[in-house]
PDB file of N, CA and C in Angstrom:
ATOM      1  N   MET A   1      26.596 -45.543 120.591  1.00  0.00           N
ATOM      2  CA  MET A   1      25.671 -45.007 119.602  1.00  0.00           C
ATOM      3  C   MET A   1      26.792 -44.732 118.187  1.00  0.00           C
ATOM      4  N   SER A   2      26.496 -45.244 117.483  1.00  0.00           N
ATOM      5  CA  SER A   2      27.381 -44.993 115.823  1.00  0.00           C
ATOM      6  C   SER A   2      26.249 -43.527 115.133  1.00  0.00           C
ATOM      7  N   PRO A   3      27.477 -43.016 114.769  1.00  0.00           N
ATOM      8  CA  PRO A   3      27.190 -42.103 113.945  1.00  0.00           C
ATOM      9  C   PRO A   3      26.535 -41.642 112.994  1.00  0.00           C
ATOM     10  N   THR A   4      25.101 -40.446 112.449  1.00  0.00           N
ATOM     11  CA  THR A   4      24.355 -41.128 111.516  1.00  0.00           C
ATOM     12  C   THR A   4      25.385 -40.537 110.310  1.00  0.00           C
ATOM     13  N   LEU A   5      25.176 -40.984 108.942  1.00  0.00           N
ATOM     14  CA  LEU A   5      26.048 -40.911 107.847  1.00  0.00           C
ATOM     15  C   LEU A   5      25.647 -38.575 107.756  1.00  0.00           C
ATOM     16  N   GLY A   6      27.035 -38.943 107.287  1.00  0.00           N
ATOM     17  CA  GLY A   6      27.132 -37.417 106.833  1.00  0.00           C
ATOM     18  C   GLY A   6      27.097 -36.497 108.193  1.00  0.00           C
ATOM     19  N   GLY A   7      26.938 -36.767 109.461  1.00  0.00           N
ATOM     20  CA  GLY A   7      26.793 -35.874 110.568  1.00  0.00           C
ATOM     21  C   GLY A   7      28.252 -36.697 111.030  1.00  0.00           C
ATOM     22  N   LEU A   8      28.553 -35.520 111.768  1.00  0.00           N
ATOM     23  CA  LEU A   8      29.844 -35.809 112.843  1.00  0.00           C
ATOM     24  C   LEU A   8      29.447 -36.103 114.337  1.00  0.00           C
ATOM     25  N   SER A   9      30.344 -37.276 114.981  1.00  0.00           N
ATOM     26  CA  SER A   9      30.188 -37.997 115.926  1.00  0.00           C
ATOM     27  C   SER A   9      30.306 -36.999 117.345  1.00  0.00           C
ATOM     28  N   GLU A  10      30.512 -37.284 118.049  1.00  0.00           N
ATOM     29  CA  GLU A  10      31.036 -36.980 120.085  1.00  0.00           C
ATOM     30  C   GLU A  10      31.793 -36.821 120.085  1.00  0.00           C
ATOM     31  N   THR A  11      32.698 -35.764 120.215  1.00  0.00           N
ATOM     32  CA  THR A  11      34.219 -35.818 120.515  1.00  0.00           C
ATOM     33  C   THR A  11      35.089 -36.489 121.435  1.00  0.00           C
ATOM     34  N   LYS A  12      35.487 -37.792 120.924  1.00  0.00           N
ATOM     35  CA  LYS A  12      36.031 -38.767 121.829  1.00  0.00           C
ATOM     36  C   LYS A  12      37.717 -38.329 122.334  1.00  0.00           C
ATOM     37  N   PRO A  13      38.391 -38.548 123.128  1.00  0.00           N
ATOM     38  CA  PRO A  13      39.736 -39.249 123.242  1.00  0.00           C
ATOM     39  C   PRO A  13      40.013 -40.197 122.548  1.00  0.00           C
ATOM     40  N   ALA A  14      41.633 -39.169 121.736  1.00  0.00           N
ATOM     41  CA  ALA A  14      42.214 -40.173 121.063  1.00  0.00           C
ATOM     42  C   ALA A  14      42.400 -41.539 121.142  1.00  0.00           C
ATOM     43  N   THR A  15      42.823 -42.404 120.352  1.00  0.00           N
ATOM     44  CA  THR A  15      43.045 -43.872 120.412  1.00  0.00           C
ATOM     45  C   THR A  15      44.153 -44.151 120.020  1.00  0.00           C
ATOM     46  N   PRO A  16      44.505 -45.583 120.483  1.00  0.00           N
ATOM     47  CA  PRO A  16      45.851 -45.967 119.458  1.00  0.00           C
ATOM     48  C   PRO A  16      45.508 -46.117 118.395  1.00  0.00           C
ATOM     49  N   GLU A  17      44.444 -46.164 117.701  1.00  0.00           N
ATOM     50  CA  GLU A  17      43.806 -46.557 116.479  1.00  0.00           C
ATOM     51  C   GLU A  17      44.240 -44.687 115.466  1.00  0.00           C
ATOM     52  N   VAL A  18      43.869 -43.966 116.372  1.00  0.00           N
ATOM     53  CA  VAL A  18      43.719 -42.565 115.677  1.00  0.00           C
ATOM     54  C   VAL A  18      45.267 -42.369 115.039  1.00  0.00           C
ATOM     55  N   GLN A  19      45.776 -42.233 116.767  1.00  0.00           N
ATOM     56  CA  GLN A  19      47.359 -42.159 116.812  1.00  0.00           C
ATOM     57  C   GLN A  19      48.018 -42.813 115.617  1.00  0.00           C
ATOM     58  N   GLU A  20      47.701 -44.084 115.756  1.00  0.00           N
ATOM     59  CA  GLU A  20      48.271 -44.797 114.124  1.00  0.00           C
ATOM     60  C   GLU A  20      47.536 -43.846 113.192  1.00  0.00           C
ATOM     61  N   ILE A  21      47.037 -43.716 112.157  1.00  0.00           N
ATOM     62  CA  ILE A  21      46.558 -42.520 111.626  1.00  0.00           C
ATOM     63  C   ILE A  21      47.653 -41.170 111.627  1.00  0.00           C
ATOM     64  N   VAL A  22      47.040 -40.707 112.707  1.00  0.00           N
ATOM     65  CA  VAL A  22      48.415 -39.591 112.653  1.00  0.00           C
ATOM     66  C   VAL A  22      49.634 -39.285 111.547  1.00  0.00           C
ATOM     67  N   ASP A  23      49.944 -40.843 113.098  1.00  0.00           N
ATOM     68  CA  ASP A  23      51.909 -40.814 112.330  1.00  0.00           C
ATOM     69  C   ASP A  23      52.304 -41.048 110.847  1.00  0.00           C
ATOM     70  N   LYS A  24      50.870 -41.515 110.057  1.00  0.00           N
ATOM     71  CA  LYS A  24      50.717 -41.999 108.421  1.00  0.00           C
ATOM     72  C   LYS A  24      50.553 -40.634 108.410  1.00  0.00           C
ATOM     73  N   VAL A  25      49.759 -39.390 108.441  1.00  0.00           N
ATOM     74  CA  VAL A  25      49.835 -38.747 107.829  1.00  0.00           C
ATOM     75  C   VAL A  25      50.669 -37.115 108.120  1.00  0.00           C
ATOM     76  N   LYS A  26      51.292 -37.687 109.369  1.00  0.00           N
ATOM     77  CA  LYS A  26      53.071 -36.729 109.481  1.00  0.00           C
ATOM     78  C   LYS A  26      52.967 -35.992 108.383  1.00  0.00           C
ATOM     79  N   PRO A  27      54.308 -37.022 107.576  1.00  0.00           N
ATOM     80  CA  PRO A  27      54.767 -36.094 106.586  1.00  0.00           C
ATOM     81  C   PRO A  27      54.002 -35.795 105.356  1.00  0.00           C
ATOM     82  N   GLN A  28      52.894 -36.280 105.360  1.00  0.00           N
ATOM     83  CA  GLN A  28      52.004 -34.684 104.336  1.00  0.00           C
ATOM     84  C   GLN A  28      51.927 -33.816 104.968  1.00  0.00           C
ATOM     85  N   PHE A  29      51.648 -33.495 106.593  1.00  0.00           N
ATOM     86  CA  PHE A  29      51.423 -32.166 106.972  1.00  0.00           C
ATOM     87  C   PHE A  29      53.357 -31.687 107.389  1.00  0.00           C
ATOM     88  N   GLU A  30      54.100 -32.082 107.095  1.00  0.00           N
ATOM     89  CA  GLU A  30      54.980 -31.855 107.707  1.00  0.00           C
ATOM     90  C   GLU A  30      55.465 -30.989 106.090  1.00  0.00           C
ATOM     91  N   SER A  31      55.252 -31.837 104.954  1.00  0.00           N
ATOM     92  CA  SER A  31      55.635 -31.363 103.714  1.00  0.00           C
ATOM     93  C   SER A  31      54.870 -30.321 103.010  1.00  0.00           C
ATOM     94  N   ARG A  32      54.061 -29.668 103.806  1.00  0.00           N
ATOM     95  CA  ARG A  32      52.950 -28.925 103.468  1.00  0.00           C
ATOM     96  C   ARG A  32      52.558 -27.531 104.256  1.00  0.00           C
ATOM     97  N   VAL A  33      53.485 -27.790 105.741  1.00  0.00           N
ATOM     98  CA  VAL A  33      53.720 -26.782 106.629  1.00  0.00           C
ATOM     99  C   VAL A  33      55.446 -26.012 106.323  1.00  0.00           C
ATOM    100  N   ASN A  34      55.753 -26.991 105.990  1.00  0.00           N
ATOM    101  CA  ASN A  34      57.341 -27.398 105.676  1.00  0.00           C
ATOM    102  C   ASN A  34      58.114 -26.994 106.889  1.00  0.00           C
ATOM    103  N   LYS A  35      57.647 -27.599 107.863  1.00  0.00           N
ATOM    104  CA  LYS A  35      58.742 -28.114 109.234  1.00  0.00           C
ATOM    105  C   LYS A  35      58.377 -29.240 109.428  1.00  0.00           C
ATOM    106  N   THR A  36      59.445 -29.626 110.431  1.00  0.00           N
ATOM    107  CA  THR A  36      59.265 -30.631 111.198  1.00  0.00           C
ATOM    108  C   THR A  36      58.876 -30.324 112.218  1.00  0.00           C
ATOM    109  N   CYS A  37      57.796 -31.705 112.773  1.00  0.00           N
ATOM    110  CA  CYS A  37      57.552 -31.805 114.256  1.00  0.00           C
ATOM    111  C   CYS A  37      57.822 -32.273 115.139  1.00  0.00           C
ATOM    112  N   GLU A  38      58.442 -32.104 115.809  1.00  0.00           N
ATOM    113  CA  GLU A  38      59.268 -33.238 117.229  1.00  0.00           C
ATOM    114  C   GLU A  38      58.107 -34.239 118.033  1.00  0.00           C
ATOM    115  N   ILE A  39      56.894 -32.873 118.046  1.00  0.00           N
ATOM    116  CA  ILE A  39      55.891 -33.456 118.733  1.00  0.00           C
ATOM    117  C   ILE A  39      54.582 -33.776 117.958  1.00  0.00           C
ATOM    118  N   PHE A  40      54.396 -35.152 117.613  1.00  0.00           N
ATOM    119  CA  PHE A  40      52.790 -35.119 116.860  1.00  0.00           C
ATOM    120  C   PHE A  40      51.545 -36.832 117.889  1.00  0.00           C
ATOM    121  N   LYS A  41      51.373 -35.463 119.197  1.00  0.00           N
ATOM    122  CA  LYS A  41      50.239 -36.121 119.328  1.00  0.00           C
ATOM    123  C   LYS A  41      49.229 -35.868 119.335  1.00  0.00           C
ATOM    124  N   ALA A  42      48.277 -36.813 118.971  1.00  0.00           N
ATOM    125  CA  ALA A  42      46.725 -36.918 118.997  1.00  0.00           C
ATOM    126  C   ALA A  42      46.105 -36.736 120.459  1.00  0.00           C
ATOM    127  N   ILE A  43      45.082 -35.845 120.343  1.00  0.00           N
ATOM    128  CA  ILE A  43      44.501 -35.466 121.996  1.00  0.00           C
ATOM    129  C   ILE A  43      43.141 -35.662 122.047  1.00  0.00           C
ATOM    130  N   SER A  44      42.084 -36.060 120.767  1.00  0.00           N
ATOM    131  CA  SER A  44      40.567 -36.517 120.603  1.00  0.00           C
ATOM    132  C   SER A  44      40.337 -36.010 118.948  1.00  0.00           C
ATOM    133  N   TYR A  45      39.321 -36.233 118.895  1.00  0.00           N
ATOM    134  CA  TYR A  45      38.906 -37.150 117.616  1.00  0.00           C
ATOM    135  C   TYR A  45      37.404 -36.198 117.673  1.00  0.00           C
ATOM    136  N   ARG A  46      36.625 -36.514 116.216  1.00  0.00           N
ATOM    137  CA  ARG A  46      35.352 -36.701 115.742  1.00  0.00           C
ATOM    138  C   ARG A  46      36.073 -38.013 114.639  1.00  0.00           C
ATOM    139  N   THR A  47      34.273 -38.467 114.116  1.00  0.00           N
ATOM    140  CA  THR A  47      34.381 -39.172 113.246  1.00  0.00           C
ATOM    141  C   THR A  47      33.097 -38.116 112.112  1.00  0.00           C
ATOM    142  N   GLN A  48      33.071 -38.526 110.762  1.00  0.00           N
ATOM    143  CA  GLN A  48      32.001 -38.477 109.821  1.00  0.00           C
ATOM    144  C   GLN A  48      31.802 -39.592 108.769  1.00  0.00           C
ATOM    145  N   VAL A  49      30.757 -39.959 108.594  1.00  0.00           N
ATOM    146  CA  VAL A  49      31.084 -41.580 107.796  1.00  0.00           C
ATOM    147  C   VAL A  49      30.527 -40.813 107.263  1.00  0.00           C
ATOM    148  N   VAL A  50      31.357 -41.475 105.502  1.00  0.00           N
ATOM    149  CA  VAL A  50      30.728 -41.148 104.325  1.00  0.00           C
ATOM    150  C   VAL A  50      31.304 -41.781 103.464  1.00  0.00           C
ATOM    151  N   ALA A  51      31.628 -42.367 102.167  1.00  0.00           N
ATOM    152  CA  ALA A  51      32.330 -43.741 102.238  1.00  0.00           C
ATOM    153  C   ALA A  51      33.677 -44.066 101.665  1.00  0.00           C
ATOM    154  N   GLY A  52      33.722 -44.038 103.340  1.00  0.00           N
ATOM    155  CA  GLY A  52      34.833 -44.079 104.123  1.00  0.00           C
ATOM    156  C   GLY A  52      34.873 -43.583 105.644  1.00  0.00           C
ATOM    157  N   THR A  53      36.022 -42.589 106.046  1.00  0.00           N
ATOM    158  CA  THR A  53      35.647 -42.003 107.105  1.00  0.00           C
ATOM    159  C   THR A  53      36.482 -40.661 107.061  1.00  0.00           C
ATOM    160  N   ASN A  54      35.979 -39.629 107.378  1.00  0.00           N
ATOM    161  CA  ASN A  54      36.398 -38.352 107.559  1.00  0.00           C
ATOM    162  C   ASN A  54      36.953 -38.319 108.785  1.00  0.00           C
ATOM    163  N   TYR A  55      38.313 -38.437 109.341  1.00  0.00           N
ATOM    164  CA  TYR A  55      38.319 -37.854 111.042  1.00  0.00           C
ATOM    165  C   TYR A  55      38.793 -36.490 110.989  1.00  0.00           C
ATOM    166  N   PHE A  56      38.272 -35.940 111.981  1.00  0.00           N
ATOM    167  CA  PHE A  56      38.712 -34.226 112.541  1.00  0.00           C
ATOM    168  C   PHE A  56      39.320 -34.859 113.912  1.00  0.00           C
ATOM    169  N   ILE A  57      40.148 -34.357 113.486  1.00  0.00           N
ATOM    170  CA  ILE A  57      41.675 -35.254 114.831  1.00  0.00           C
ATOM    171  C   ILE A  57      42.477 -33.680 115.564  1.00  0.00           C
ATOM    172  N   LYS A  58      42.567 -33.640 117.014  1.00  0.00           N
ATOM    173  CA  LYS A  58      43.274 -32.339 116.917  1.00  0.00           C
ATOM    174  C   LYS A  58      44.591 -32.778 118.048  1.00  0.00           C
ATOM    175  N   VAL A  59      45.574 -32.050 117.620  1.00  0.00           N
ATOM    176  CA  VAL A  59      46.747 -32.755 117.517  1.00  0.00           C
ATOM    177  C   VAL A  59      48.105 -32.070 117.815  1.00  0.00           C
ATOM    178  N   GLN A  60      48.611 -32.339 119.614  1.00  0.00           N
ATOM    179  CA  GLN A  60      49.770 -31.099 119.477  1.00  0.00           C
ATOM    180  C   GLN A  60      50.262 -31.416 118.697  1.00  0.00           C
ATOM    181  N   ASP A  61      51.402 -30.498 118.603  1.00  0.00           N
ATOM    182  CA  ASP A  61      52.531 -30.288 117.438  1.00  0.00           C
ATOM    183  C   ASP A  61      53.656 -29.497 117.829  1.00  0.00           C
ATOM    184  N   SER A  62      53.686 -28.925 118.973  1.00  0.00           N
ATOM    185  CA  SER A  62      54.445 -28.471 120.346  1.00  0.00           C
ATOM    186  C   SER A  62      54.319 -28.526 121.217  1.00  0.00           C
ATOM    187  N   ASP A  63      55.398 -27.685 122.220  1.00  0.00           N
ATOM    188  CA  ASP A  63      54.451 -27.616 123.855  1.00  0.00           C
ATOM    189  C   ASP A  63      53.215 -26.743 124.084  1.00  0.00           C
ATOM    190  N   ASP A  64      52.950 -25.817 123.357  1.00  0.00           N
ATOM    191  CA  ASP A  64      51.528 -25.468 123.598  1.00  0.00           C
ATOM    192  C   ASP A  64      50.684 -25.108 121.878  1.00  0.00           C
ATOM    193  N   ASN A  65      51.261 -25.947 121.129  1.00  0.00           N
ATOM    194  CA  ASN A  65      50.672 -25.458 119.866  1.00  0.00           C
ATOM    195  C   ASN A  65      49.901 -26.313 119.308  1.00  0.00           C
ATOM    196  N   TYR A  66      48.256 -26.561 118.796  1.00  0.00           N
ATOM    197  CA  TYR A  66      47.754 -27.376 118.580  1.00  0.00           C
ATOM    198  C   TYR A  66      47.221 -27.735 117.207  1.00  0.00           C
ATOM    199  N   VAL A  67      47.346 -28.375 116.385  1.00  0.00           N
ATOM    200  CA  VAL A  67      46.361 -28.510 114.908  1.00  0.00           C
ATOM    201  C   VAL A  67      45.352 -29.662 114.603  1.00  0.00           C
ATOM    202  N   HIS A  68      44.208 -28.384 113.532  1.00  0.00           N
ATOM    203  CA  HIS A  68      43.561 -29.805 113.721  1.00  0.00           C
ATOM    204  C   HIS A  68      43.785 -30.093 112.388  1.00  0.00           C
ATOM    205  N   LEU A  69      43.807 -31.620 112.661  1.00  0.00           N
ATOM    206  CA  LEU A  69      43.969 -32.785 111.016  1.00  0.00           C
ATOM    207  C   LEU A  69      42.212 -33.085 110.669  1.00  0.00           C
ATOM    208  N   ARG A  70      42.459 -32.997 109.300  1.00  0.00           N
ATOM    209  CA  ARG A  70      40.909 -33.972 108.319  1.00  0.00           C
ATOM    210  C   ARG A  70      41.453 -34.630 107.932  1.00  0.00           C
ATOM    211  N   VAL A  71      41.555 -35.964 107.954  1.00  0.00           N
ATOM    212  CA  VAL A  71      41.971 -36.983 107.510  1.00  0.00           C
ATOM    213  C   VAL A  71      41.387 -37.825 106.230  1.00  0.00           C
ATOM    214  N   PHE A  72      40.958 -38.218 105.583  1.00  0.00           N
ATOM    215  CA  PHE A  72      40.179 -38.892 105.011  1.00  0.00           C
ATOM    216  C   PHE A  72      40.894 -40.794 105.188  1.00  0.00           C
ATOM    217  N   GLN A  73      39.989 -41.286 105.562  1.00  0.00           N
ATOM    218  CA  GLN A  73      40.430 -42.932 105.385  1.00  0.00           C
ATOM    219  C   GLN A  73      39.268 -43.666 104.710  1.00  0.00           C
ATOM    220  N   GLY A  74      40.032 -44.276 102.882  1.00  0.00           N
ATOM    221  CA  GLY A  74      39.162 -45.436 102.146  1.00  0.00           C
ATOM    222  C   GLY A  74      38.266 -45.984 103.149  1.00  0.00           C
ATOM    223  N   LEU A  75      37.185 -47.140 103.457  1.00  0.00           N
ATOM    224  CA  LEU A  75      36.872 -48.094 103.247  1.00  0.00           C
ATOM    225  C   LEU A  75      37.779 -49.216 103.061  1.00  0.00           C
ATOM    226  N   PRO A  76      37.765 -49.986 104.224  1.00  0.00           N
ATOM    227  CA  PRO A  76      39.161 -51.069 104.850  1.00  0.00           C
ATOM    228  C   PRO A  76      38.805 -51.837 103.155  1.00  0.00           C
ATOM    229  N   ALA A  77      37.633 -52.608 102.519  1.00  0.00           N
ATOM    230  CA  ALA A  77      38.276 -53.017 101.083  1.00  0.00           C
ATOM    231  C   ALA A  77      39.236 -52.036 100.532  1.00  0.00           C
ATOM    232  N   GLU A  78      38.751 -50.683  99.720  1.00  0.00           N
ATOM    233  CA  GLU A  78      39.821 -50.429  99.233  1.00  0.00           C
ATOM    234  C   GLU A  78      41.463 -50.408  99.831  1.00  0.00           C
ATOM    235  N   ASN A  79      41.752 -50.026 101.193  1.00  0.00           N
ATOM    236  CA  ASN A  79      43.129 -50.380 101.636  1.00  0.00           C
ATOM    237  C   ASN A  79      43.692 -49.482 101.110  1.00  0.00           C
ATOM    238  N   ASP A  80      43.390 -48.070 101.127  1.00  0.00           N
ATOM    239  CA  ASP A  80      43.505 -47.167 101.153  1.00  0.00           C
ATOM    240  C   ASP A  80      44.544 -46.687 102.337  1.00  0.00           C
ATOM    241  N   CYS A  81      45.502 -45.692 102.455  1.00  0.00           N
ATOM    242  CA  CYS A  81      46.789 -45.268 103.311  1.00  0.00           C
ATOM    243  C   CYS A  81      45.719 -44.026 103.895  1.00  0.00           C
ATOM    244  N   PRO A  82      45.412 -43.857 104.886  1.00  0.00           N
ATOM    245  CA  PRO A  82      44.582 -42.336 105.058  1.00  0.00           C
ATOM    246  C   PRO A  82      45.332 -40.991 104.314  1.00  0.00           C
ATOM    247  N   SER A  83      44.805 -40.328 103.540  1.00  0.00           N
ATOM    248  CA  SER A  83      44.937 -39.221 103.245  1.00  0.00           C
ATOM    249  C   SER A  83      44.767 -38.019 104.178  1.00  0.00           C
ATOM    250  N   LEU A  84      45.390 -36.038 104.364  1.00  0.00           N
ATOM    251  CA  LEU A  84      45.826 -35.659 105.125  1.00  0.00           C
ATOM    252  C   LEU A  84      44.729 -34.335 103.944  1.00  0.00           C
ATOM    253  N   VAL A  85      43.505 -34.700 104.414  1.00  0.00           N
ATOM    254  CA  VAL A  85      42.727 -33.502 103.512  1.00  0.00           C
ATOM    255  C   VAL A  85      43.012 -32.297 103.285  1.00  0.00           C
ATOM    256  N   SER A  86      42.823 -31.587 104.638  1.00  0.00           N
ATOM    257  CA  SER A  86      43.088 -30.149 104.541  1.00  0.00           C
ATOM    258  C   SER A  86      43.083 -30.075 106.602  1.00  0.00           C
ATOM    259  N   PHE A  87      44.128 -28.534 107.087  1.00  0.00           N
ATOM    260  CA  PHE A  87      44.532 -28.679 108.031  1.00  0.00           C
ATOM    261  C   PHE A  87      43.906 -27.157 109.032  1.00  0.00           C
ATOM    262  N   GLN A  88      44.316 -27.019 109.775  1.00  0.00           N
ATOM    263  CA  GLN A  88      44.011 -25.875 110.700  1.00  0.00           C
ATOM    264  C   GLN A  88      45.440 -25.558 111.365  1.00  0.00           C
ATOM    265  N   THR A  89      45.588 -24.661 111.770  1.00  0.00           N
ATOM    266  CA  THR A  89      46.889 -24.075 112.246  1.00  0.00           C
ATOM    267  C   THR A  89      46.379 -23.070 113.379  1.00  0.00           C
ATOM    268  N   GLY A  90      47.832 -23.120 114.530  1.00  0.00           N
ATOM    269  CA  GLY A  90      46.621 -22.057 115.355  1.00  0.00           C
ATOM    270  C   GLY A  90      45.828 -21.674 116.415  1.00  0.00           C
ATOM    271  N   LYS A  91      45.915 -23.108 116.445  1.00  0.00           N
ATOM    272  CA  LYS A  91      45.041 -23.471 117.188  1.00  0.00           C
ATOM    273  C   LYS A  91      45.277 -24.258 120.006  1.00  0.00           C
ATOM    274  N   THR A  92      44.160 -23.774 120.304  1.00  0.00           N
ATOM    275  CA  THR A  92      44.313 -23.854 121.439  1.00  0.00           C
ATOM    276  C   THR A  92      43.520 -25.654 122.034  1.00  0.00           C
ATOM    277  N   ARG A  93      44.377 -25.842 122.991  1.00  0.00           N
ATOM    278  CA  ARG A  93      44.266 -27.190 123.138  1.00  0.00           C
ATOM    279  C   ARG A  93      42.662 -26.884 123.544  1.00  0.00           C
ATOM    280  N   ASP A  94      41.685 -26.129 123.786  1.00  0.00           N
ATOM    281  CA  ASP A  94      40.268 -25.938 124.161  1.00  0.00           C
ATOM    282  C   ASP A  94      40.084 -25.423 122.962  1.00  0.00           C
ATOM    283  N   ASP A  95      40.062 -25.259 121.961  1.00  0.00           N
ATOM    284  CA  ASP A  95      39.628 -24.958 120.725  1.00  0.00           C
ATOM    285  C   ASP A  95      38.614 -26.129 120.044  1.00  0.00           C
ATOM    286  N   PRO A  96      37.330 -26.493 120.329  1.00  0.00           N
ATOM    287  CA  PRO A  96      36.766 -27.529 119.733  1.00  0.00           C
ATOM    288  C   PRO A  96      36.254 -27.666 118.320  1.00  0.00           C
ATOM    289  N   LEU A  97      36.618 -29.140 118.193  1.00  0.00           N
ATOM    290  CA  LEU A  97      36.599 -29.613 116.520  1.00  0.00           C
ATOM    291  C   LEU A  97      35.525 -29.615 115.728  1.00  0.00           C
ATOM    292  N   THR A  98      35.280 -28.474 114.864  1.00  0.00           N
ATOM    293  CA  THR A  98      34.247 -28.425 113.880  1.00  0.00           C
ATOM    294  C   THR A  98      34.738 -29.217 112.809  1.00  0.00           C
ATOM    295  N   TYR A  99      33.744 -29.159 111.559  1.00  0.00           N
ATOM    296  CA  TYR A  99      33.871 -29.145 110.556  1.00  0.00           C
ATOM    297  C   TYR A  99      34.816 -28.002 109.486  1.00  0.00           C
ATOM    298  N   PHE A 100      35.336 -28.834 108.947  1.00  0.00           N
ATOM    299  CA  PHE A 100      36.389 -28.005 108.083  1.00  0.00           C
ATOM    300  C   PHE A 100      36.623 -27.887 106.625  1.00  0.00           C
TER     301      PHE A 100
END
């Protein structure tokens, strides 16, 4: 079932494609928080269809710390690199992914 336009999809386990997006935005995240992350592993994600796709991704950034990333990926025809829109730090593995 595809998400309705503007609504968030259900939370799904991260896929290799989502990990690839996380890998691409990792330098943007590290420069904004001014630290280097040894671990940056996508755990789960939700999507929102807009003029492109917003990805809300739970990422493990250390042994017991998690961050939530909001990443915008333009339409394939635009061939945009994913862009880190915003993030939330200090999350746990059990915190739900919500719109932010």
